[in-house]
C-alpha atoms as a PDB file:
ATOM      1  CA  UNK A   1      -0.012  -0.169  -0.130  1.00  0.00           C
ATOM      2  CA  UNK A   2       0.944   3.288  -1.214  1.00  0.00           C
ATOM      3  CA  UNK A   3       2.087   5.654   1.940  1.00  0.00           C
ATOM      4  CA  UNK A   4       0.432   9.038   1.719  1.00  0.00           C
ATOM      5  CA  UNK A   5       2.656  12.331   2.169  1.00  0.00           C
ATOM      6  CA  UNK A   6       1.746  15.952   2.413  1.00  0.00           C
ATOM      7  CA  UNK A   7       1.962  17.006  -1.140  1.00  0.00           C
ATOM      8  CA  UNK A   8       3.701  14.454  -2.679  1.00  0.00           C
ATOM      9  CA  UNK A   9       0.244  12.769  -2.869  1.00  0.00           C
ATOM     10  CA  UNK A  10      -0.660  15.456  -5.294  1.00  0.00           C
ATOM     11  CA  UNK A  11       1.836  14.143  -7.860  1.00  0.00           C
ATOM     12  CA  UNK A  12       0.746  12.332 -10.531  1.00  0.00           C
ATOM     13  CA  UNK A  13       3.888  10.006 -12.025  1.00  0.00           C
ATOM     14  CA  UNK A  14       4.402   9.606 -15.500  1.00  0.00           C
ATOM     15  CA  UNK A  15       7.201   6.558 -16.446  1.00  0.00           C
ATOM     16  CA  UNK A  16       7.595   5.677 -19.914  1.00  0.00           C
ATOM     17  CA  UNK A  17       9.370   2.400 -20.149  1.00  0.00           C
ATOM     18  CA  UNK A  18      10.818   0.057 -23.159  1.00  0.00           C
ATOM     19  CA  UNK A  19      11.979  -3.583 -21.704  1.00  0.00           C
ATOM     20  CA  UNK A  20      12.949  -2.411 -18.685  1.00  0.00           C
ATOM     21  CA  UNK A  21      13.064  -5.297 -16.418  1.00  0.00           C
ATOM     22  CA  UNK A  22      15.749  -4.728 -14.643  1.00  0.00           C
ATOM     23  CA  UNK A  23      14.723  -1.332 -13.142  1.00  0.00           C
ATOM     24  CA  UNK A  24      10.805  -0.917 -13.453  1.00  0.00           C
ATOM     25  CA  UNK A  25      10.224  -2.496 -10.135  1.00  0.00           C
ATOM     26  CA  UNK A  26      12.399  -0.343  -8.160  1.00  0.00           C
ATOM     27  CA  UNK A  27      11.919   2.439  -9.737  1.00  0.00           C
ATOM     28  CA  UNK A  28       7.825   2.177  -9.418  1.00  0.00           C
ATOM     29  CA  UNK A  29       8.441   0.979  -5.599  1.00  0.00           C
ATOM     30  CA  UNK A  30      10.530   4.144  -4.847  1.00  0.00           C
ATOM     31  CA  UNK A  31       7.533   5.869  -5.928  1.00  0.00           C
ATOM     32  CA  UNK A  32       4.912   4.086  -4.426  1.00  0.00           C
ATOM     33  CA  UNK A  33       7.297   4.568  -1.034  1.00  0.00           C
ATOM     34  CA  UNK A  34       7.660   8.775  -1.634  1.00  0.00           C
ATOM     35  CA  UNK A  35       3.619   8.641  -1.492  1.00  0.00           C
ATOM     36  CA  UNK A  36       2.678   9.680  -4.800  1.00  0.00           C
ATOM     37  CA  UNK A  37      -0.788  10.445  -5.279  1.00  0.00           C
ATOM     38  CA  UNK A  38      -0.539   8.386  -9.125  1.00  0.00           C
ATOM     39  CA  UNK A  39       1.446   6.281 -11.255  1.00  0.00           C
ATOM     40  CA  UNK A  40       1.214   6.173 -15.288  1.00  0.00           C
ATOM     41  CA  UNK A  41       3.490   4.158 -16.494  1.00  0.00           C
ATOM     42  CA  UNK A  42       2.966   4.343 -20.496  1.00  0.00           C
ATOM     43  CA  UNK A  43       5.083   1.238 -22.023  1.00  0.00           C
ATOM     44  CA  UNK A  44       5.924   0.511 -25.483  1.00  0.00           C
ATOM     45  CA  UNK A  45       5.490  -2.758 -26.344  1.00  0.00           C
ATOM     46  CA  UNK A  46       8.088  -4.574 -23.724  1.00  0.00           C
ATOM     47  CA  UNK A  47       8.626  -8.072 -24.365  1.00  0.00           C
ATOM     48  CA  UNK A  48      10.546  -8.848 -21.086  1.00  0.00           C
ATOM     49  CA  UNK A  49       8.054  -8.866 -18.498  1.00  0.00           C
ATOM     50  CA  UNK A  50       8.050  -5.029 -17.583  1.00  0.00           C
ATOM     51  CA  UNK A  51       4.830  -4.431 -18.688  1.00  0.00           C
ATOM     52  CA  UNK A  52       3.233  -7.622 -16.203  1.00  0.00           C
ATOM     53  CA  UNK A  53       5.091  -5.728 -13.332  1.00  0.00           C
ATOM     54  CA  UNK A  54       3.978  -2.095 -14.195  1.00  0.00           C
ATOM     55  CA  UNK A  55       0.444  -3.781 -13.879  1.00  0.00           C
ATOM     56  CA  UNK A  56       1.083  -4.505 -10.633  1.00  0.00           C
ATOM     57  CA  UNK A  57       2.500  -1.605  -9.567  1.00  0.00           C
ATOM     58  CA  UNK A  58       0.932   0.935 -11.608  1.00  0.00           C
ATOM     59  CA  UNK A  59      -2.509   2.948 -11.382  1.00  0.00           C
ATOM     60  CA  UNK A  60      -2.657   3.193 -14.789  1.00  0.00           C
ATOM     61  CA  UNK A  61      -0.552   1.505 -17.930  1.00  0.00           C
ATOM     62  CA  UNK A  62      -0.939   2.867 -21.183  1.00  0.00           C
ATOM     63  CA  UNK A  63       0.625   1.697 -24.884  1.00  0.00           C
ATOM     64  CA  UNK A  64       3.468   3.933 -26.137  1.00  0.00           C
ATOM     65  CA  UNK A  65       2.630   4.005 -30.115  1.00  0.00           C
ATOM     66  CA  UNK A  66       6.336   4.038 -30.535  1.00  0.00           C
ATOM     67  CA  UNK A  67       6.778   7.274 -32.409  1.00  0.00           C
ATOM     68  CA  UNK A  68       9.052   9.086 -29.876  1.00  0.00           C
ATOM     69  CA  UNK A  69       9.707  10.426 -26.506  1.00  0.00           C
ATOM     70  CA  UNK A  70       7.432  13.931 -26.131  1.00  0.00           C
ATOM     71  CA  UNK A  71       4.646  11.304 -27.676  1.00  0.00           C
ATOM     72  CA  UNK A  72       4.663   9.223 -25.056  1.00  0.00           C
ATOM     73  CA  UNK A  73       5.329  11.432 -22.361  1.00  0.00           C
ATOM     74  CA  UNK A  74       2.105  13.448 -23.726  1.00  0.00           C
ATOM     75  CA  UNK A  75       0.296  10.238 -23.143  1.00  0.00           C
ATOM     76  CA  UNK A  76       0.365   9.872 -19.723  1.00  0.00           C
ATOM     77  CA  UNK A  77       0.324  13.973 -19.103  1.00  0.00           C
ATOM     78  CA  UNK A  78      -2.833  13.574 -20.634  1.00  0.00           C
ATOM     79  CA  UNK A  79      -4.104  10.765 -18.501  1.00  0.00           C
ATOM     80  CA  UNK A  80      -3.127  12.644 -15.509  1.00  0.00           C
ATOM     81  CA  UNK A  81      -5.317  14.343 -12.727  1.00  0.00           C
ATOM     82  CA  UNK A  82      -2.752  15.564 -10.310  1.00  0.00           C
ATOM     83  CA  UNK A  83      -2.023  19.237  -9.530  1.00  0.00           C
ATOM     84  CA  UNK A  84       1.546  18.123 -10.092  1.00  0.00           C
ATOM     85  CA  UNK A  85       3.371  15.983 -13.197  1.00  0.00           C
ATOM     86  CA  UNK A  86       6.301  14.197 -12.265  1.00  0.00           C
ATOM     87  CA  UNK A  87       8.699  13.002 -15.464  1.00  0.00           C
ATOM     88  CA  UNK A  88      10.932  10.305 -14.337  1.00  0.00           C
ATOM     89  CA  UNK A  89      12.753   7.759 -16.222  1.00  0.00           C
ATOM     90  CA  UNK A  90      12.202   3.867 -15.898  1.00  0.00           C
ATOM     91  CA  UNK A  91      15.969   3.696 -14.602  1.00  0.00           C
ATOM     92  CA  UNK A  92      15.581   6.108 -12.194  1.00  0.00           C
ATOM     93  CA  UNK A  93      14.994   5.324  -8.557  1.00  0.00           C
ATOM     94  CA  UNK A  94      13.324   7.919  -6.333  1.00  0.00           C
ATOM     95  CA  UNK A  95      15.281   8.226  -2.367  1.00  0.00           C
ATOM     96  CA  UNK A  96      13.033   8.827   0.252  1.00  0.00           C
ATOM     97  CA  UNK A  97      12.353  12.340   1.106  1.00  0.00           C
ATOM     98  CA  UNK A  98      13.639  13.148  -2.317  1.00  0.00           C
ATOM     99  CA  UNK A  99      10.414  13.775  -3.935  1.00  0.00           C
ATOM    100  CA  UNK A 100       8.975  15.925  -0.885  1.00  0.00           C
ATOM    101  CA  UNK A 101      12.222  17.967  -1.954  1.00  0.00           C
ATOM    102  CA  UNK A 102      10.786  18.657  -5.285  1.00  0.00           C
ATOM    103  CA  UNK A 103       7.739  19.420  -4.749  1.00  0.00           C
ATOM    104  CA  UNK A 104       8.882  22.178  -1.858  1.00  0.00           C
ATOM    105  CA  UNK A 105      11.307  24.027  -4.409  1.00  0.00           C
ATOM    106  CA  UNK A 106       8.561  24.504  -6.845  1.00  0.00           C
ATOM    107  CA  UNK A 107       5.436  25.244  -4.468  1.00  0.00           C
ATOM    108  CA  UNK A 108       7.288  27.662  -2.407  1.00  0.00           C
ATOM    109  CA  UNK A 109       9.659  29.326  -5.460  1.00  0.00           C
ATOM    110  CA  UNK A 110       8.792  31.427  -8.540  1.00  0.00           C
ATOM    111  CA  UNK A 111       9.955  28.614 -11.042  1.00  0.00           C
ATOM    112  CA  UNK A 112       6.848  26.519 -12.649  1.00  0.00           C
ATOM    113  CA  UNK A 113       9.536  23.175 -13.207  1.00  0.00           C
ATOM    114  CA  UNK A 114      11.863  21.588 -10.960  1.00  0.00           C
ATOM    115  CA  UNK A 115      13.933  18.480 -11.726  1.00  0.00           C
ATOM    116  CA  UNK A 116      15.985  16.790  -9.382  1.00  0.00           C
ATOM    117  CA  UNK A 117      20.088  15.964  -9.556  1.00  0.00           C
ATOM    118  CA  UNK A 118      20.612  12.030 -10.912  1.00  0.00           C
ATOM    119  CA  UNK A 119      23.361  10.254  -8.993  1.00  0.00           C
ATOM    120  CA  UNK A 120      24.543   7.319 -11.229  1.00  0.00           C
ATOM    121  CA  UNK A 121      24.556   4.107  -9.352  1.00  0.00           C
ATOM    122  CA  UNK A 122      27.509   1.439 -10.582  1.00  0.00           C
ATOM    123  CA  UNK A 123      31.092   1.142 -10.186  1.00  0.00           C
ATOM    124  CA  UNK A 124      33.937   2.093 -12.807  1.00  0.00           C
ATOM    125  CA  UNK A 125      35.302   4.687 -14.840  1.00  0.00           C
ATOM    126  CA  UNK A 126      32.180   5.400 -17.061  1.00  0.00           C
ATOM    127  CA  UNK A 127      30.226   5.645 -13.343  1.00  0.00           C
ATOM    128  CA  UNK A 128      33.065   8.253 -12.123  1.00  0.00           C
ATOM    129  CA  UNK A 129      32.959  10.287 -16.032  1.00  0.00           C
ATOM    130  CA  UNK A 130      28.399  10.373 -15.970  1.00  0.00           C
ATOM    131  CA  UNK A 131      29.271  10.906 -12.080  1.00  0.00           C
ATOM    132  CA  UNK A 132      31.738  13.568 -13.113  1.00  0.00           C
ATOM    133  CA  UNK A 133      29.703  15.020 -15.265  1.00  0.00           C
ATOM    134  CA  UNK A 134      26.349  15.318 -13.492  1.00  0.00           C
ATOM    135  CA  UNK A 135      27.880  17.158 -11.070  1.00  0.00           C
ATOM    136  CA  UNK A 136      29.752  19.567 -12.589  1.00  0.00           C
ATOM    137  CA  UNK A 137      26.869  20.351 -15.228  1.00  0.00           C
ATOM    138  CA  UNK A 138      24.041  19.895 -12.837  1.00  0.00           C
ATOM    139  CA  UNK A 139      24.259  22.236 -10.191  1.00  0.00           C
ATOM    140  CA  UNK A 140      21.223  23.498  -7.831  1.00  0.00           C
ATOM    141  CA  UNK A 141      19.733  26.766  -8.597  1.00  0.00           C
ATOM    142  CA  UNK A 142      18.040  28.084 -11.416  1.00  0.00           C
ATOM    143  CA  UNK A 143      18.378  27.023 -14.933  1.00  0.00           C
ATOM    144  CA  UNK A 144      17.488  27.618 -18.432  1.00  0.00           C
ATOM    145  CA  UNK A 145      16.410  24.055 -19.103  1.00  0.00           C
ATOM    146  CA  UNK A 146      15.482  21.207 -16.890  1.00  0.00           C
ATOM    147  CA  UNK A 147      15.645  17.501 -17.530  1.00  0.00           C
ATOM    148  CA  UNK A 148      14.571  13.956 -15.953  1.00  0.00           C
ATOM    149  CA  UNK A 149      13.422  13.993 -13.644  1.00  0.00           C
ATOM    150  CA  UNK A 150      11.499  16.746 -13.584  1.00  0.00           C
ATOM    151  CA  UNK A 151       8.505  18.125 -11.472  1.00  0.00           C
ATOM    152  CA  UNK A 152       6.041  20.802 -13.417  1.00  0.00           C
ATOM    153  CA  UNK A 153       2.732  22.196 -12.438  1.00  0.00           C
ATOM    154  CA  UNK A 154       0.371  20.135 -13.850  1.00  0.00           C
ATOM    155  CA  UNK A 155      -2.396  22.497 -15.385  1.00  0.00           C
ATOM    156  CA  UNK A 156       0.772  24.108 -17.312  1.00  0.00           C
ATOM    157  CA  UNK A 157       1.941  21.453 -18.795  1.00  0.00           C
ATOM    158  CA  UNK A 158      -1.591  19.546 -19.614  1.00  0.00           C
ATOM    159  CA  UNK A 159      -2.261  22.615 -21.614  1.00  0.00           C
ATOM    160  CA  UNK A 160       1.540  23.109 -23.498  1.00  0.00           C
ATOM    161  CA  UNK A 161       2.655  19.735 -23.345  1.00  0.00           C
ATOM    162  CA  UNK A 162       5.976  18.353 -25.037  1.00  0.00           C
ATOM    163  CA  UNK A 163       6.171  18.343 -28.698  1.00  0.00           C
ATOM    164  CA  UNK A 164       5.093  15.272 -29.983  1.00  0.00           C
ATOM    165  CA  UNK A 165       7.482  15.671 -33.213  1.00  0.00           C
ATOM    166  CA  UNK A 166      10.472  15.430 -31.482  1.00  0.00           C
ATOM    167  CA  UNK A 167      11.994  11.924 -30.756  1.00  0.00           C
ATOM    168  CA  UNK A 168      14.488  12.704 -28.073  1.00  0.00           C
ATOM    169  CA  UNK A 169      14.996  16.964 -27.668  1.00  0.00           C
ATOM    170  CA  UNK A 170      11.520  17.307 -25.476  1.00  0.00           C
ATOM    171  CA  UNK A 171      13.045  18.660 -22.407  1.00  0.00           C
ATOM    172  CA  UNK A 172      14.819  21.705 -23.943  1.00  0.00           C
ATOM    173  CA  UNK A 173      11.966  22.416 -26.483  1.00  0.00           C
ATOM    174  CA  UNK A 174       9.636  22.470 -23.651  1.00  0.00           C
ATOM    175  CA  UNK A 175      11.962  25.069 -21.503  1.00  0.00           C
ATOM    176  CA  UNK A 176      12.853  26.927 -24.483  1.00  0.00           C
ATOM    177  CA  UNK A 177       9.146  27.284 -25.521  1.00  0.00           C
ATOM    178  CA  UNK A 178       7.647  27.935 -22.228  1.00  0.00           C
ATOM    179  CA  UNK A 179      10.332  30.594 -21.646  1.00  0.00           C
ATOM    180  CA  UNK A 180       9.466  32.238 -24.743  1.00  0.00           C
ATOM    181  CA  UNK A 181       5.939  32.491 -24.253  1.00  0.00           C
ATOM    182  CA  UNK A 182       4.833  32.620 -20.847  1.00  0.00           C
ATOM    183  CA  UNK A 183       8.169  33.801 -19.378  1.00  0.00           C
ATOM    184  CA  UNK A 184       8.612  30.479 -17.208  1.00  0.00           C
ATOM    185  CA  UNK A 185      11.412  30.078 -15.340  1.00  0.00           C
ATOM    186  CA  UNK A 186      13.466  26.493 -14.059  1.00  0.00           C
ATOM    187  CA  UNK A 187      15.059  25.337 -11.233  1.00  0.00           C
ATOM    188  CA  UNK A 188      17.429  22.514 -10.258  1.00  0.00           C
ATOM    189  CA  UNK A 189      16.503  21.318  -6.676  1.00  0.00           C
ATOM    190  CA  UNK A 190      18.857  19.995  -3.642  1.00  0.00           C
ATOM    191  CA  UNK A 191      16.552  16.898  -4.237  1.00  0.00           C
ATOM    192  CA  UNK A 192      18.723  13.958  -6.132  1.00  0.00           C
ATOM    193  CA  UNK A 193      17.424  10.461  -7.730  1.00  0.00           C
ATOM    194  CA  UNK A 194      19.659   7.136  -8.609  1.00  0.00           C
ATOM    195  CA  UNK A 195      20.076   5.599 -11.443  1.00  0.00           C
ATOM    196  CA  UNK A 196      20.912   2.328 -12.507  1.00  0.00           C
ATOM    197  CA  UNK A 197      22.282  -0.228 -14.972  1.00  0.00           C
ATOM    198  CA  UNK A 198      24.110   2.414 -17.560  1.00  0.00           C
ATOM    199  CA  UNK A 199      27.238   2.135 -16.952  1.00  0.00           C
ATOM    200  CA  UNK A 200      28.546   0.048 -19.319  1.00  0.00           C
ATOM    201  CA  UNK A 201      30.498   2.109 -22.911  1.00  0.00           C
ATOM    202  CA  UNK A 202      27.827   0.438 -24.949  1.00  0.00           C
ATOM    203  CA  UNK A 203      25.339   2.287 -22.713  1.00  0.00           C
ATOM    204  CA  UNK A 204      27.021   5.431 -23.456  1.00  0.00           C
ATOM    205  CA  UNK A 205      27.050   5.740 -26.563  1.00  0.00           C
ATOM    206  CA  UNK A 206      23.096   4.629 -26.620  1.00  0.00           C
ATOM    207  CA  UNK A 207      22.299   7.924 -24.498  1.00  0.00           C
ATOM    208  CA  UNK A 208      25.156   9.981 -26.609  1.00  0.00           C
ATOM    209  CA  UNK A 209      23.347   8.602 -30.017  1.00  0.00           C
ATOM    210  CA  UNK A 210      20.012  10.234 -27.874  1.00  0.00           C
ATOM    211  CA  UNK A 211      21.665  13.393 -27.284  1.00  0.00           C
ATOM    212  CA  UNK A 212      22.928  14.010 -31.088  1.00  0.00           C
ATOM    213  CA  UNK A 213      19.537  13.310 -32.089  1.00  0.00           C
ATOM    214  CA  UNK A 214      18.072  15.939 -29.806  1.00  0.00           C
ATOM    215  CA  UNK A 215      20.668  18.188 -30.654  1.00  0.00           C
ATOM    216  CA  UNK A 216      19.894  17.630 -34.373  1.00  0.00           C
ATOM    217  CA  UNK A 217      16.151  18.445 -33.804  1.00  0.00           C
ATOM    218  CA  UNK A 218      16.911  21.657 -32.074  1.00  0.00           C
ATOM    219  CA  UNK A 219      19.270  23.021 -34.501  1.00  0.00           C
ATOM    220  CA  UNK A 220      17.168  22.363 -37.594  1.00  0.00           C
ATOM    221  CA  UNK A 221      13.923  23.251 -35.692  1.00  0.00           C
ATOM    222  CA  UNK A 222      15.806  26.156 -34.522  1.00  0.00           C
ATOM    223  CA  UNK A 223      17.363  27.152 -38.317  1.00  0.00           C
ATOM    224  CA  UNK A 224      14.327  26.479 -40.067  1.00  0.00           C
ATOM    225  CA  UNK A 225      12.393  29.410 -37.525  1.00  0.00           C
ATOM    226  CA  UNK A 226      14.787  31.808 -38.601  1.00  0.00           C
ATOM    227  CA  UNK A 227      17.576  31.354 -35.912  1.00  0.00           C
ATOM    228  CA  UNK A 228      20.348  34.040 -36.550  1.00  0.00           C
ATOM    229  CA  UNK A 229      23.974  33.273 -37.112  1.00  0.00           C
ATOM    230  CA  UNK A 230      24.796  33.440 -33.805  1.00  0.00           C
ATOM    231  CA  UNK A 231      21.975  31.035 -32.278  1.00  0.00           C
ATOM    232  CA  UNK A 232      23.550  28.383 -34.650  1.00  0.00           C
ATOM    233  CA  UNK A 233      26.575  28.800 -33.755  1.00  0.00           C
ATOM    234  CA  UNK A 234      25.771  28.664 -30.178  1.00  0.00           C
ATOM    235  CA  UNK A 235      23.662  25.324 -30.650  1.00  0.00           C
ATOM    236  CA  UNK A 236      26.446  23.927 -32.702  1.00  0.00           C
ATOM    237  CA  UNK A 237      29.138  24.784 -29.813  1.00  0.00           C
ATOM    238  CA  UNK A 238      26.585  23.156 -26.723  1.00  0.00           C
ATOM    239  CA  UNK A 239      27.711  19.999 -26.306  1.00  0.00           C
ATOM    240  CA  UNK A 240      31.350  20.720 -26.115  1.00  0.00           C
ATOM    241  CA  UNK A 241      30.279  23.686 -24.025  1.00  0.00           C
ATOM    242  CA  UNK A 242      27.823  21.557 -21.693  1.00  0.00           C
ATOM    243  CA  UNK A 243      29.511  18.325 -21.758  1.00  0.00           C
ATOM    244  CA  UNK A 244      33.344  19.472 -21.186  1.00  0.00           C
ATOM    245  CA  UNK A 245      34.014  23.393 -20.449  1.00  0.00           C
ATOM    246  CA  UNK A 246      31.146  23.197 -17.586  1.00  0.00           C
ATOM    247  CA  UNK A 247      31.752  20.500 -15.546  1.00  0.00           C
ATOM    248  CA  UNK A 248      35.543  20.820 -15.845  1.00  0.00           C
ATOM    249  CA  UNK A 249      34.977  24.501 -14.467  1.00  0.00           C
ATOM    250  CA  UNK A 250      33.427  23.230 -11.776  1.00  0.00           C
ATOM    251  CA  UNK A 251      35.240  20.131 -10.791  1.00  0.00           C
ATOM    252  CA  UNK A 252      38.492  20.128  -8.101  1.00  0.00           C
ATOM    253  CA  UNK A 253      41.063  19.881 -10.308  1.00  0.00           C
ATOM    254  CA  UNK A 254      42.476  16.748  -9.703  1.00  0.00           C
ATOM    255  CA  UNK A 255      39.042  14.559 -10.006  1.00  0.00           C
ATOM    256  CA  UNK A 256      38.431  17.104 -13.513  1.00  0.00           C
ATOM    257  CA  UNK A 257      41.854  15.547 -14.995  1.00  0.00           C
ATOM    258  CA  UNK A 258      40.769  12.023 -14.405  1.00  0.00           C
ATOM    259  CA  UNK A 259      37.815  12.423 -16.373  1.00  0.00           C
ATOM    260  CA  UNK A 260      39.212  14.566 -19.247  1.00  0.00           C
ATOM    261  CA  UNK A 261      39.524  11.616 -21.275  1.00  0.00           C
ATOM    262  CA  UNK A 262      35.977  10.548 -20.542  1.00  0.00           C
ATOM    263  CA  UNK A 263      34.271  13.800 -21.191  1.00  0.00           C
ATOM    264  CA  UNK A 264      36.290  14.068 -24.566  1.00  0.00           C
ATOM    265  CA  UNK A 265      35.034  10.986 -25.268  1.00  0.00           C
ATOM    266  CA  UNK A 266      31.373  11.690 -24.536  1.00  0.00           C
ATOM    267  CA  UNK A 267      31.047  14.632 -26.634  1.00  0.00           C
ATOM    268  CA  UNK A 268      32.808  13.386 -29.406  1.00  0.00           C
ATOM    269  CA  UNK A 269      30.364  10.085 -28.926  1.00  0.00           C
ATOM    270  CA  UNK A 270      27.488  13.118 -28.623  1.00  0.00           C
ATOM    271  CA  UNK A 271      28.667  15.302 -31.962  1.00  0.00           C
ATOM    272  CA  UNK A 272      28.813  11.962 -33.697  1.00  0.00           C
ATOM    273  CA  UNK A 273      24.696  10.967 -33.106  1.00  0.00           C
ATOM    274  CA  UNK A 274      24.212  14.519 -34.249  1.00  0.00           C
ATOM    275  CA  UNK A 275      26.230  14.317 -37.545  1.00  0.00           C
ATOM    276  CA  UNK A 276      24.362  10.345 -38.380  1.00  0.00           C
ATOM    277  CA  UNK A 277      21.378  12.343 -37.647  1.00  0.00           C
ATOM    278  CA  UNK A 278      21.703  15.359 -39.657  1.00  0.00           C
ATOM    279  CA  UNK A 279      23.132  13.094 -42.687  1.00  0.00           C
ATOM    280  CA  UNK A 280      20.010  10.469 -42.068  1.00  0.00           C
ATOM    281  CA  UNK A 281      17.518  13.932 -42.139  1.00  0.00           C
ATOM    282  CA  UNK A 282      19.424  15.278 -45.310  1.00  0.00           C
ATOM    283  CA  UNK A 283      19.081  11.566 -47.605  1.00  0.00           C
ATOM    284  CA  UNK A 284      14.932  10.967 -46.379  1.00  0.00           C
ATOM    285  CA  UNK A 285      14.676  14.292 -47.784  1.00  0.00           C
ATOM    286  CA  UNK A 286      16.618  13.994 -50.761  1.00  0.00           C
END
């Protein structure tokens, strides 16, 4: 039985899953233990038992048609009923007290959305590099773009949801659009979640490929909408700035030196993912 906590009972959690059997039970159980009022899973035809776990722990399980993460999230968002909506990855686990911290940050400030910091579970160089990257880049305080896990005001997100045409650039597109159209502001809270099962080099490539597709979508959409050259250059430089320069700048020197080879590999993979997606788009339009 879910233990209800003040304010967290007014949260609808939306989790998009696909073959997430390694982590989905811990993810959903942590949300129950955090006292969320509603758990909605949007599943993309999982074949590994994920759906059975979701059926046993979630309040509602919906079908993801497989057209992109933006659309999958929107399906869950449209079905939600609480005043706050938490978007959380199926590989995330919410420790005790952290959702309360997110709700408190959102309700006490002028922001319309907050995110939690992510700590990578596991050992080895990839886990070390990812944790250095995350701690140096995603620091508590005001932020122009926030990423999963995010907590938004439900009425606003239901009225102005993610762009369903975007495969992976949903967070950045939404935050930039809200800032432009609604004068919205966002923040990274002191809360944290754990991420499980993403510490191999193969998983790192999958992550970087997703970021690269996101970069291509953002850049293409901005250029088509009339971005000036200066804005296009800033977009092209973003992975290098965000994934190497910023983490190194905000990391102790001994740790930064150790993480630099990882960060350079990370950003190279991300640019490779961007280039592959750009070539694919060009071939499709030819």
